[in-house]
Amino acid sequence: MLYRPKKLPFDIALRYAIFDTDGFDARLYAYEYNLQNVFSIPAYFNDGSRAYIMLHWEFLKVCDLWVRYAAFQFANEESLGQGAEFIDGSSRSEFSMQLRIKI
């Protein structure tokens, strides 16, 4: 969902999704709003949920601020990833922020 109030200098994008696939070979993809010039289409696989919220705020006529938080919660998983991306748990989250100043 994307919410853009007409009289306020910000917009909010959010999503909550529940998924249940037969595994990685049956994964689904969904486009997500992200920071300026950042591309995001995560893979939804196994059984779980995904949520994200992003705020974009324009202020002082020359500044834009993007703040984004996203999280996967997998059911029936004790660990995620491997190697440097190994997580001992069933959830994975990310936080990102970007400030643009027009000069």
PDB file of N, CA and C in Angstrom:
ATOM      1  N   MET A   1       0.837  -1.152   0.000  1.00  0.00           N
ATOM      2  CA  MET A   1       0.000   0.000   0.000  1.00  0.00           C
ATOM      3  C   MET A   1       0.897   1.235   0.000  1.00  0.00           C
ATOM      4  N   LEU A   2       0.544   2.217  -0.794  1.00  0.00           N
ATOM      5  CA  LEU A   2       1.282   3.475  -0.855  1.00  0.00           C
ATOM      6  C   LEU A   2       0.326   4.600  -0.482  1.00  0.00           C
ATOM      7  N   TYR A   3       0.680   5.365   0.533  1.00  0.00           N
ATOM      8  CA  TYR A   3      -0.163   6.453   1.018  1.00  0.00           C
ATOM      9  C   TYR A   3       0.568   7.764   0.799  1.00  0.00           C
ATOM     10  N   ARG A   4      -0.049   8.671   0.019  1.00  0.00           N
ATOM     11  CA  ARG A   4       0.538   9.984  -0.265  1.00  0.00           C
ATOM     12  C   ARG A   4      -0.480  11.075   0.058  1.00  0.00           C
ATOM     13  N   PRO A   5      -0.405  11.661   1.246  1.00  0.00           N
ATOM     14  CA  PRO A   5      -1.326  12.757   1.571  1.00  0.00           C
ATOM     15  C   PRO A   5      -1.050  13.957   0.666  1.00  0.00           C
ATOM     16  N   LYS A   6      -2.098  14.599   0.197  1.00  0.00           N
ATOM     17  CA  LYS A   6      -1.927  15.704  -0.750  1.00  0.00           C
ATOM     18  C   LYS A   6      -1.315  16.950  -0.128  1.00  0.00           C
ATOM     19  N   LYS A   7      -1.604  17.211   1.139  1.00  0.00           N
ATOM     20  CA  LYS A   7      -1.137  18.453   1.750  1.00  0.00           C
ATOM     21  C   LYS A   7       0.069  18.275   2.666  1.00  0.00           C
ATOM     22  N   LEU A   8       0.597  17.080   2.759  1.00  0.00           N
ATOM     23  CA  LEU A   8       1.744  16.831   3.627  1.00  0.00           C
ATOM     24  C   LEU A   8       2.955  16.410   2.796  1.00  0.00           C
ATOM     25  N   PRO A   9       4.174  16.735   3.233  1.00  0.00           N
ATOM     26  CA  PRO A   9       5.374  16.471   2.426  1.00  0.00           C
ATOM     27  C   PRO A   9       5.983  15.082   2.631  1.00  0.00           C
ATOM     28  N   PHE A  10       5.169  14.063   2.814  1.00  0.00           N
ATOM     29  CA  PHE A  10       5.715  12.719   2.991  1.00  0.00           C
ATOM     30  C   PHE A  10       4.798  11.679   2.360  1.00  0.00           C
ATOM     31  N   ASP A  11       5.354  10.502   2.148  1.00  0.00           N
ATOM     32  CA  ASP A  11       4.539   9.362   1.736  1.00  0.00           C
ATOM     33  C   ASP A  11       5.038   8.124   2.475  1.00  0.00           C
ATOM     34  N   ILE A  12       4.146   7.152   2.606  1.00  0.00           N
ATOM     35  CA  ILE A  12       4.430   5.924   3.340  1.00  0.00           C
ATOM     36  C   ILE A  12       4.063   4.738   2.462  1.00  0.00           C
ATOM     37  N   ALA A  13       4.990   3.782   2.361  1.00  0.00           N
ATOM     38  CA  ALA A  13       4.724   2.524   1.661  1.00  0.00           C
ATOM     39  C   ALA A  13       4.807   1.406   2.693  1.00  0.00           C
ATOM     40  N   LEU A  14       3.856   0.487   2.647  1.00  0.00           N
ATOM     41  CA  LEU A  14       3.911  -0.642   3.568  1.00  0.00           C
ATOM     42  C   LEU A  14       3.263  -1.875   2.962  1.00  0.00           C
ATOM     43  N   ARG A  15       3.687  -3.023   3.499  1.00  0.00           N
ATOM     44  CA  ARG A  15       3.148  -4.308   3.042  1.00  0.00           C
ATOM     45  C   ARG A  15       3.302  -5.327   4.156  1.00  0.00           C
ATOM     46  N   TYR A  16       2.316  -6.208   4.238  1.00  0.00           N
ATOM     47  CA  TYR A  16       2.419  -7.395   5.081  1.00  0.00           C
ATOM     48  C   TYR A  16       1.956  -8.562   4.225  1.00  0.00           C
ATOM     49  N   ALA A  17       2.794  -9.565   4.073  1.00  0.00           N
ATOM     50  CA  ALA A  17       2.471 -10.715   3.218  1.00  0.00           C
ATOM     51  C   ALA A  17       2.709 -12.011   3.979  1.00  0.00           C
ATOM     52  N   ILE A  18       1.806 -12.955   3.802  1.00  0.00           N
ATOM     53  CA  ILE A  18       1.944 -14.307   4.343  1.00  0.00           C
ATOM     54  C   ILE A  18       2.121 -15.234   3.152  1.00  0.00           C
ATOM     55  N   PHE A  19       3.094 -16.140   3.228  1.00  0.00           N
ATOM     56  CA  PHE A  19       3.356 -17.027   2.100  1.00  0.00           C
ATOM     57  C   PHE A  19       3.580 -18.451   2.581  1.00  0.00           C
ATOM     58  N   ASP A  20       3.314 -19.392   1.687  1.00  0.00           N
ATOM     59  CA  ASP A  20       3.503 -20.820   1.965  1.00  0.00           C
ATOM     60  C   ASP A  20       3.758 -21.504   0.629  1.00  0.00           C
ATOM     61  N   THR A  21       5.023 -21.808   0.348  1.00  0.00           N
ATOM     62  CA  THR A  21       5.380 -22.483  -0.897  1.00  0.00           C
ATOM     63  C   THR A  21       5.984 -23.843  -0.572  1.00  0.00           C
ATOM     64  N   ASP A  22       6.217 -24.627  -1.600  1.00  0.00           N
ATOM     65  CA  ASP A  22       6.791 -25.964  -1.421  1.00  0.00           C
ATOM     66  C   ASP A  22       8.304 -25.937  -1.235  1.00  0.00           C
ATOM     67  N   GLY A  23       8.910 -24.772  -1.226  1.00  0.00           N
ATOM     68  CA  GLY A  23      10.354 -24.665  -1.034  1.00  0.00           C
ATOM     69  C   GLY A  23      10.961 -23.625  -1.947  1.00  0.00           C
ATOM     70  N   PHE A  24      12.289 -23.580  -1.974  1.00  0.00           N
ATOM     71  CA  PHE A  24      13.000 -22.570  -2.749  1.00  0.00           C
ATOM     72  C   PHE A  24      12.727 -22.698  -4.243  1.00  0.00           C
ATOM     73  N   ASP A  25      12.543 -23.916  -4.746  1.00  0.00           N
ATOM     74  CA  ASP A  25      12.277 -24.111  -6.177  1.00  0.00           C
ATOM     75  C   ASP A  25      10.895 -23.610  -6.591  1.00  0.00           C
ATOM     76  N   ALA A  26      10.016 -23.337  -5.630  1.00  0.00           N
ATOM     77  CA  ALA A  26       8.675 -22.819  -5.920  1.00  0.00           C
ATOM     78  C   ALA A  26       8.526 -21.390  -5.382  1.00  0.00           C
ATOM     79  N   ARG A  27       9.619 -20.665  -5.276  1.00  0.00           N
ATOM     80  CA  ARG A  27       9.608 -19.327  -4.684  1.00  0.00           C
ATOM     81  C   ARG A  27       8.795 -18.331  -5.513  1.00  0.00           C
ATOM     82  N   LEU A  28       8.332 -17.298  -4.831  1.00  0.00           N
ATOM     83  CA  LEU A  28       7.593 -16.198  -5.443  1.00  0.00           C
ATOM     84  C   LEU A  28       8.416 -14.925  -5.279  1.00  0.00           C
ATOM     85  N   TYR A  29       8.214 -13.978  -6.173  1.00  0.00           N
ATOM     86  CA  TYR A  29       8.902 -12.694  -6.083  1.00  0.00           C
ATOM     87  C   TYR A  29       7.867 -11.577  -6.044  1.00  0.00           C
ATOM     88  N   ALA A  30       8.163 -10.514  -5.315  1.00  0.00           N
ATOM     89  CA  ALA A  30       7.269  -9.357  -5.261  1.00  0.00           C
ATOM     90  C   ALA A  30       8.106  -8.081  -5.194  1.00  0.00           C
ATOM     91  N   TYR A  31       7.758  -7.118  -6.043  1.00  0.00           N
ATOM     92  CA  TYR A  31       8.450  -5.826  -6.044  1.00  0.00           C
ATOM     93  C   TYR A  31       8.131  -5.069  -4.756  1.00  0.00           C
ATOM     94  N   GLU A  32       9.137  -4.390  -4.198  1.00  0.00           N
ATOM     95  CA  GLU A  32       8.941  -3.564  -3.013  1.00  0.00           C
ATOM     96  C   GLU A  32       9.500  -2.170  -3.257  1.00  0.00           C
ATOM     97  N   TYR A  33       8.800  -1.164  -2.747  1.00  0.00           N
ATOM     98  CA  TYR A  33       9.336   0.192  -2.774  1.00  0.00           C
ATOM     99  C   TYR A  33      10.586   0.230  -1.903  1.00  0.00           C
ATOM    100  N   ASN A  34      11.576   0.987  -2.350  1.00  0.00           N
ATOM    101  CA  ASN A  34      12.836   1.048  -1.623  1.00  0.00           C
ATOM    102  C   ASN A  34      13.401   2.456  -1.706  1.00  0.00           C
ATOM    103  N   LEU A  35      14.618   2.647  -1.246  1.00  0.00           N
ATOM    104  CA  LEU A  35      15.271   3.947  -1.283  1.00  0.00           C
ATOM    105  C   LEU A  35      15.452   4.405  -2.723  1.00  0.00           C
ATOM    106  N   GLN A  36      15.757   5.688  -2.882  1.00  0.00           N
ATOM    107  CA  GLN A  36      15.986   6.246  -4.209  1.00  0.00           C
ATOM    108  C   GLN A  36      17.085   5.471  -4.931  1.00  0.00           C
ATOM    109  N   ASN A  37      16.830   5.028  -6.152  1.00  0.00           N
ATOM    110  CA  ASN A  37      17.777   4.293  -6.996  1.00  0.00           C
ATOM    111  C   ASN A  37      18.194   2.939  -6.430  1.00  0.00           C
ATOM    112  N   VAL A  38      17.371   2.329  -5.605  1.00  0.00           N
ATOM    113  CA  VAL A  38      17.625   0.996  -5.058  1.00  0.00           C
ATOM    114  C   VAL A  38      16.510   0.075  -5.526  1.00  0.00           C
ATOM    115  N   PHE A  39      16.873  -1.113  -5.968  1.00  0.00           N
ATOM    116  CA  PHE A  39      15.969  -2.092  -6.558  1.00  0.00           C
ATOM    117  C   PHE A  39      15.734  -3.218  -5.560  1.00  0.00           C
ATOM    118  N   SER A  40      14.479  -3.604  -5.306  1.00  0.00           N
ATOM    119  CA  SER A  40      14.206  -4.641  -4.317  1.00  0.00           C
ATOM    120  C   SER A  40      13.084  -5.568  -4.779  1.00  0.00           C
ATOM    121  N   ILE A  41      13.435  -6.829  -5.035  1.00  0.00           N
ATOM    122  CA  ILE A  41      12.462  -7.872  -5.366  1.00  0.00           C
ATOM    123  C   ILE A  41      12.878  -9.139  -4.621  1.00  0.00           C
ATOM    124  N   PRO A  42      12.515  -9.262  -3.335  1.00  0.00           N
ATOM    125  CA  PRO A  42      12.940 -10.435  -2.560  1.00  0.00           C
ATOM    126  C   PRO A  42      12.182 -11.700  -2.955  1.00  0.00           C
ATOM    127  N   ALA A  43      12.790 -12.840  -2.672  1.00  0.00           N
ATOM    128  CA  ALA A  43      12.177 -14.148  -2.936  1.00  0.00           C
ATOM    129  C   ALA A  43      11.418 -14.612  -1.693  1.00  0.00           C
ATOM    130  N   TYR A  44      10.176 -15.014  -1.892  1.00  0.00           N
ATOM    131  CA  TYR A  44       9.343 -15.562  -0.824  1.00  0.00           C
ATOM    132  C   TYR A  44       9.336 -17.077  -1.003  1.00  0.00           C
ATOM    133  N   PHE A  45       9.817 -17.822  -0.001  1.00  0.00           N
ATOM    134  CA  PHE A  45       9.862 -19.280  -0.128  1.00  0.00           C
ATOM    135  C   PHE A  45       9.651 -19.938   1.227  1.00  0.00           C
ATOM    136  N   ASN A  46       9.311 -21.220   1.206  1.00  0.00           N
ATOM    137  CA  ASN A  46       8.944 -21.990   2.396  1.00  0.00           C
ATOM    138  C   ASN A  46       7.669 -21.412   3.006  1.00  0.00           C
ATOM    139  N   ASP A  47       7.636 -21.268   4.317  1.00  0.00           N
ATOM    140  CA  ASP A  47       6.431 -20.838   5.023  1.00  0.00           C
ATOM    141  C   ASP A  47       6.797 -19.687   5.947  1.00  0.00           C
ATOM    142  N   GLY A  48       6.117 -18.557   5.814  1.00  0.00           N
ATOM    143  CA  GLY A  48       6.442 -17.438   6.682  1.00  0.00           C
ATOM    144  C   GLY A  48       5.697 -16.174   6.328  1.00  0.00           C
ATOM    145  N   SER A  49       6.262 -15.051   6.750  1.00  0.00           N
ATOM    146  CA  SER A  49       5.656 -13.755   6.469  1.00  0.00           C
ATOM    147  C   SER A  49       6.750 -12.722   6.197  1.00  0.00           C
ATOM    148  N   ARG A  50       6.355 -11.652   5.535  1.00  0.00           N
ATOM    149  CA  ARG A  50       7.274 -10.566   5.185  1.00  0.00           C
ATOM    150  C   ARG A  50       6.531  -9.259   5.414  1.00  0.00           C
ATOM    151  N   ALA A  51       7.198  -8.313   6.020  1.00  0.00           N
ATOM    152  CA  ALA A  51       6.616  -6.990   6.239  1.00  0.00           C
ATOM    153  C   ALA A  51       7.674  -5.929   5.971  1.00  0.00           C
ATOM    154  N   TYR A  52       7.217  -4.802   5.463  1.00  0.00           N
ATOM    155  CA  TYR A  52       8.128  -3.661   5.353  1.00  0.00           C
ATOM    156  C   TYR A  52       7.336  -2.367   5.450  1.00  0.00           C
ATOM    157  N   ILE A  53       8.033  -1.336   5.878  1.00  0.00           N
ATOM    158  CA  ILE A  53       7.469   0.008   5.913  1.00  0.00           C
ATOM    159  C   ILE A  53       8.570   0.968   5.473  1.00  0.00           C
ATOM    160  N   MET A  54       8.181   1.942   4.661  1.00  0.00           N
ATOM    161  CA  MET A  54       9.142   2.935   4.201  1.00  0.00           C
ATOM    162  C   MET A  54       8.500   4.312   4.266  1.00  0.00           C
ATOM    163  N   LEU A  55       9.237   5.254   4.804  1.00  0.00           N
ATOM    164  CA  LEU A  55       8.794   6.638   4.889  1.00  0.00           C
ATOM    165  C   LEU A  55       9.700   7.494   4.018  1.00  0.00           C
ATOM    166  N   HIS A  56       9.098   8.338   3.191  1.00  0.00           N
ATOM    167  CA  HIS A  56       9.842   9.313   2.388  1.00  0.00           C
ATOM    168  C   HIS A  56       9.330  10.688   2.784  1.00  0.00           C
ATOM    169  N   TRP A  57      10.245  11.545   3.225  1.00  0.00           N
ATOM    170  CA  TRP A  57       9.877  12.867   3.715  1.00  0.00           C
ATOM    171  C   TRP A  57      10.673  13.921   2.968  1.00  0.00           C
ATOM    172  N   GLU A  58       9.979  14.893   2.388  1.00  0.00           N
ATOM    173  CA  GLU A  58      10.617  16.021   1.713  1.00  0.00           C
ATOM    174  C   GLU A  58      10.553  17.227   2.648  1.00  0.00           C
ATOM    175  N   PHE A  59      11.707  17.836   2.927  1.00  0.00           N
ATOM    176  CA  PHE A  59      11.707  18.980   3.836  1.00  0.00           C
ATOM    177  C   PHE A  59      12.720  20.028   3.389  1.00  0.00           C
ATOM    178  N   LEU A  60      12.497  21.244   3.791  1.00  0.00           N
ATOM    179  CA  LEU A  60      13.347  22.402   3.476  1.00  0.00           C
ATOM    180  C   LEU A  60      13.503  22.631   1.970  1.00  0.00           C
ATOM    181  N   LYS A  61      12.650  22.061   1.171  1.00  0.00           N
ATOM    182  CA  LYS A  61      12.636  22.188  -0.295  1.00  0.00           C
ATOM    183  C   LYS A  61      13.885  21.653  -0.987  1.00  0.00           C
ATOM    184  N   VAL A  62      14.913  21.299  -0.237  1.00  0.00           N
ATOM    185  CA  VAL A  62      16.139  20.781  -0.852  1.00  0.00           C
ATOM    186  C   VAL A  62      16.552  19.422  -0.295  1.00  0.00           C
ATOM    187  N   CYS A  63      15.797  18.894   0.656  1.00  0.00           N
ATOM    188  CA  CYS A  63      16.178  17.632   1.301  1.00  0.00           C
ATOM    189  C   CYS A  63      15.087  16.579   1.159  1.00  0.00           C
ATOM    190  N   ASP A  64      15.525  15.358   0.954  1.00  0.00           N
ATOM    191  CA  ASP A  64      14.650  14.187   0.946  1.00  0.00           C
ATOM    192  C   ASP A  64      15.262  13.155   1.880  1.00  0.00           C
ATOM    193  N   LEU A  65      14.437  12.560   2.724  1.00  0.00           N
ATOM    194  CA  LEU A  65      14.891  11.517   3.631  1.00  0.00           C
ATOM    195  C   LEU A  65      14.037  10.276   3.416  1.00  0.00           C
ATOM    196  N   TRP A  66      14.697   9.145   3.190  1.00  0.00           N
ATOM    197  CA  TRP A  66      14.030   7.854   3.086  1.00  0.00           C
ATOM    198  C   TRP A  66      14.482   6.998   4.261  1.00  0.00           C
ATOM    199  N   VAL A  67      13.530   6.358   4.941  1.00  0.00           N
ATOM    200  CA  VAL A  67      13.826   5.431   6.029  1.00  0.00           C
ATOM    201  C   VAL A  67      13.003   4.178   5.765  1.00  0.00           C
ATOM    202  N   ARG A  68      13.659   3.005   5.829  1.00  0.00           N
ATOM    203  CA  ARG A  68      12.983   1.750   5.488  1.00  0.00           C
ATOM    204  C   ARG A  68      13.379   0.647   6.456  1.00  0.00           C
ATOM    205  N   TYR A  69      12.374  -0.125   6.886  1.00  0.00           N
ATOM    206  CA  TYR A  69      12.601  -1.310   7.717  1.00  0.00           C
ATOM    207  C   TYR A  69      11.830  -2.464   7.088  1.00  0.00           C
ATOM    208  N   ALA A  70      12.490  -3.613   6.952  1.00  0.00           N
ATOM    209  CA  ALA A  70      11.852  -4.800   6.375  1.00  0.00           C
ATOM    210  C   ALA A  70      12.268  -6.030   7.168  1.00  0.00           C
ATOM    211  N   ALA A  71      11.374  -7.027   7.231  1.00  0.00           N
ATOM    212  CA  ALA A  71      11.684  -8.240   7.997  1.00  0.00           C
ATOM    213  C   ALA A  71      10.989  -9.459   7.410  1.00  0.00           C
ATOM    214  N   PHE A  72      11.716 -10.570   7.383  1.00  0.00           N
ATOM    215  CA  PHE A  72      11.171 -11.894   7.080  1.00  0.00           C
ATOM    216  C   PHE A  72      11.029 -12.643   8.397  1.00  0.00           C
ATOM    217  N   GLN A  73       9.960 -13.391   8.560  1.00  0.00           N
ATOM    218  CA  GLN A  73       9.797 -14.312   9.683  1.00  0.00           C
ATOM    219  C   GLN A  73       9.424 -15.659   9.075  1.00  0.00           C
ATOM    220  N   PHE A  74      10.297 -16.648   9.240  1.00  0.00           N
ATOM    221  CA  PHE A  74      10.059 -17.971   8.669  1.00  0.00           C
ATOM    222  C   PHE A  74       9.544 -18.924   9.741  1.00  0.00           C
ATOM    223  N   ALA A  75       8.536 -19.698   9.400  1.00  0.00           N
ATOM    224  CA  ALA A  75       8.022 -20.727  10.307  1.00  0.00           C
ATOM    225  C   ALA A  75       8.841 -22.000  10.097  1.00  0.00           C
ATOM    226  N   ASN A  76       8.995 -22.782  11.118  1.00  0.00           N
ATOM    227  CA  ASN A  76       9.668 -24.089  11.041  1.00  0.00           C
ATOM    228  C   ASN A  76      11.122 -24.005  10.577  1.00  0.00           C
ATOM    229  N   GLU A  77      11.793 -22.898  10.839  1.00  0.00           N
ATOM    230  CA  GLU A  77      13.210 -22.748  10.491  1.00  0.00           C
ATOM    231  C   GLU A  77      13.992 -22.440  11.764  1.00  0.00           C
ATOM    232  N   GLU A  78      15.123 -23.104  11.953  1.00  0.00           N
ATOM    233  CA  GLU A  78      15.964 -22.829  13.120  1.00  0.00           C
ATOM    234  C   GLU A  78      17.139 -21.928  12.774  1.00  0.00           C
ATOM    235  N   SER A  79      17.512 -21.897  11.482  1.00  0.00           N
ATOM    236  CA  SER A  79      18.603 -21.035  11.041  1.00  0.00           C
ATOM    237  C   SER A  79      18.360 -20.646   9.591  1.00  0.00           C
ATOM    238  N   LEU A  80      19.009 -19.556   9.180  1.00  0.00           N
ATOM    239  CA  LEU A  80      18.861 -19.040   7.818  1.00  0.00           C
ATOM    240  C   LEU A  80      20.232 -18.784   7.219  1.00  0.00           C
ATOM    241  N   GLY A  81      20.341 -18.920   5.904  1.00  0.00           N
ATOM    242  CA  GLY A  81      21.567 -18.599   5.196  1.00  0.00           C
ATOM    243  C   GLY A  81      22.710 -19.538   5.499  1.00  0.00           C
ATOM    244  N   GLN A  82      23.873 -19.156   4.968  1.00  0.00           N
ATOM    245  CA  GLN A  82      25.083 -19.937   5.184  1.00  0.00           C
ATOM    246  C   GLN A  82      26.294 -19.032   5.026  1.00  0.00           C
ATOM    247  N   GLY A  83      27.418 -19.476   5.532  1.00  0.00           N
ATOM    248  CA  GLY A  83      28.650 -18.693   5.428  1.00  0.00           C
ATOM    249  C   GLY A  83      28.535 -17.364   6.155  1.00  0.00           C
ATOM    250  N   ALA A  84      28.942 -16.288   5.489  1.00  0.00           N
ATOM    251  CA  ALA A  84      28.919 -14.958   6.098  1.00  0.00           C
ATOM    252  C   ALA A  84      27.503 -14.448   6.349  1.00  0.00           C
ATOM    253  N   GLU A  85      26.502 -15.042   5.700  1.00  0.00           N
ATOM    254  CA  GLU A  85      25.116 -14.617   5.875  1.00  0.00           C
ATOM    255  C   GLU A  85      24.324 -15.543   6.791  1.00  0.00           C
ATOM    256  N   PHE A  86      25.022 -16.387   7.559  1.00  0.00           N
ATOM    257  CA  PHE A  86      24.353 -17.323   8.466  1.00  0.00           C
ATOM    258  C   PHE A  86      23.682 -16.568   9.615  1.00  0.00           C
ATOM    259  N   ILE A  87      22.429 -16.935   9.911  1.00  0.00           N
ATOM    260  CA  ILE A  87      21.674 -16.360  11.024  1.00  0.00           C
ATOM    261  C   ILE A  87      21.151 -17.508  11.868  1.00  0.00           C
ATOM    262  N   ASP A  88      21.473 -17.504  13.142  1.00  0.00           N
ATOM    263  CA  ASP A  88      20.994 -18.529  14.065  1.00  0.00           C
ATOM    264  C   ASP A  88      19.634 -18.081  14.598  1.00  0.00           C
ATOM    265  N   GLY A  89      18.597 -18.343  13.844  1.00  0.00           N
ATOM    266  CA  GLY A  89      17.244 -17.922  14.198  1.00  0.00           C
ATOM    267  C   GLY A  89      16.342 -17.987  12.986  1.00  0.00           C
ATOM    268  N   SER A  90      15.074 -17.651  13.166  1.00  0.00           N
ATOM    269  CA  SER A  90      14.101 -17.797  12.084  1.00  0.00           C
ATOM    270  C   SER A  90      13.658 -16.465  11.491  1.00  0.00           C
ATOM    271  N   SER A  91      14.334 -15.373  11.816  1.00  0.00           N
ATOM    272  CA  SER A  91      13.945 -14.085  11.243  1.00  0.00           C
ATOM    273  C   SER A  91      15.166 -13.338  10.709  1.00  0.00           C
ATOM    274  N   ARG A  92      14.903 -12.531   9.692  1.00  0.00           N
ATOM    275  CA  ARG A  92      15.956 -11.712   9.078  1.00  0.00           C
ATOM    276  C   ARG A  92      15.369 -10.326   8.845  1.00  0.00           C
ATOM    277  N   SER A  93      16.068  -9.303   9.275  1.00  0.00           N
ATOM    278  CA  SER A  93      15.558  -7.946   9.100  1.00  0.00           C
ATOM    279  C   SER A  93      16.639  -7.044   8.521  1.00  0.00           C
ATOM    280  N   GLU A  94      16.192  -5.924   7.984  1.00  0.00           N
ATOM    281  CA  GLU A  94      17.118  -4.951   7.410  1.00  0.00           C
ATOM    282  C   GLU A  94      16.584  -3.540   7.668  1.00  0.00           C
ATOM    283  N   PHE A  95      17.493  -2.626   7.891  1.00  0.00           N
ATOM    284  CA  PHE A  95      17.155  -1.224   8.098  1.00  0.00           C
ATOM    285  C   PHE A  95      18.027  -0.406   7.164  1.00  0.00           C
ATOM    286  N   SER A  96      17.426   0.554   6.475  1.00  0.00           N
ATOM    287  CA  SER A  96      18.209   1.406   5.588  1.00  0.00           C
ATOM    288  C   SER A  96      17.676   2.833   5.639  1.00  0.00           C
ATOM    289  N   MET A  97      18.572   3.768   5.370  1.00  0.00           N
ATOM    290  CA  MET A  97      18.221   5.174   5.419  1.00  0.00           C
ATOM    291  C   MET A  97      19.050   5.910   4.372  1.00  0.00           C
ATOM    292  N   GLN A  98      18.443   6.925   3.764  1.00  0.00           N
ATOM    293  CA  GLN A  98      19.137   7.702   2.742  1.00  0.00           C
ATOM    294  C   GLN A  98      18.711   9.160   2.850  1.00  0.00           C
ATOM    295  N   LEU A  99      19.671  10.058   2.769  1.00  0.00           N
ATOM    296  CA  LEU A  99      19.408  11.492   2.782  1.00  0.00           C
ATOM    297  C   LEU A  99      19.949  12.081   1.488  1.00  0.00           C
ATOM    298  N   ARG A 100      19.103  12.839   0.794  1.00  0.00           N
ATOM    299  CA  ARG A 100      19.527  13.515  -0.438  1.00  0.00           C
ATOM    300  C   ARG A 100      19.383  15.017  -0.227  1.00  0.00           C
ATOM    301  N   ILE A 101      20.454  15.733  -0.512  1.00  0.00           N
ATOM    302  CA  ILE A 101      20.448  17.189  -0.416  1.00  0.00           C
ATOM    303  C   ILE A 101      20.701  17.738  -1.810  1.00  0.00           C
ATOM    304  N   LYS A 102      19.776  18.525  -2.314  1.00  0.00           N
ATOM    305  CA  LYS A 102      19.895  19.117  -3.646  1.00  0.00           C
ATOM    306  C   LYS A 102      20.678  20.420  -3.540  1.00  0.00           C
ATOM    307  N   ILE A 103      21.753  20.511  -4.320  1.00  0.00           N
ATOM    308  CA  ILE A 103      22.563  21.737  -4.274  1.00  0.00           C
ATOM    309  C   ILE A 103      22.564  22.431  -5.620  1.00  0.00           C
TER     310      ILE A 103
END
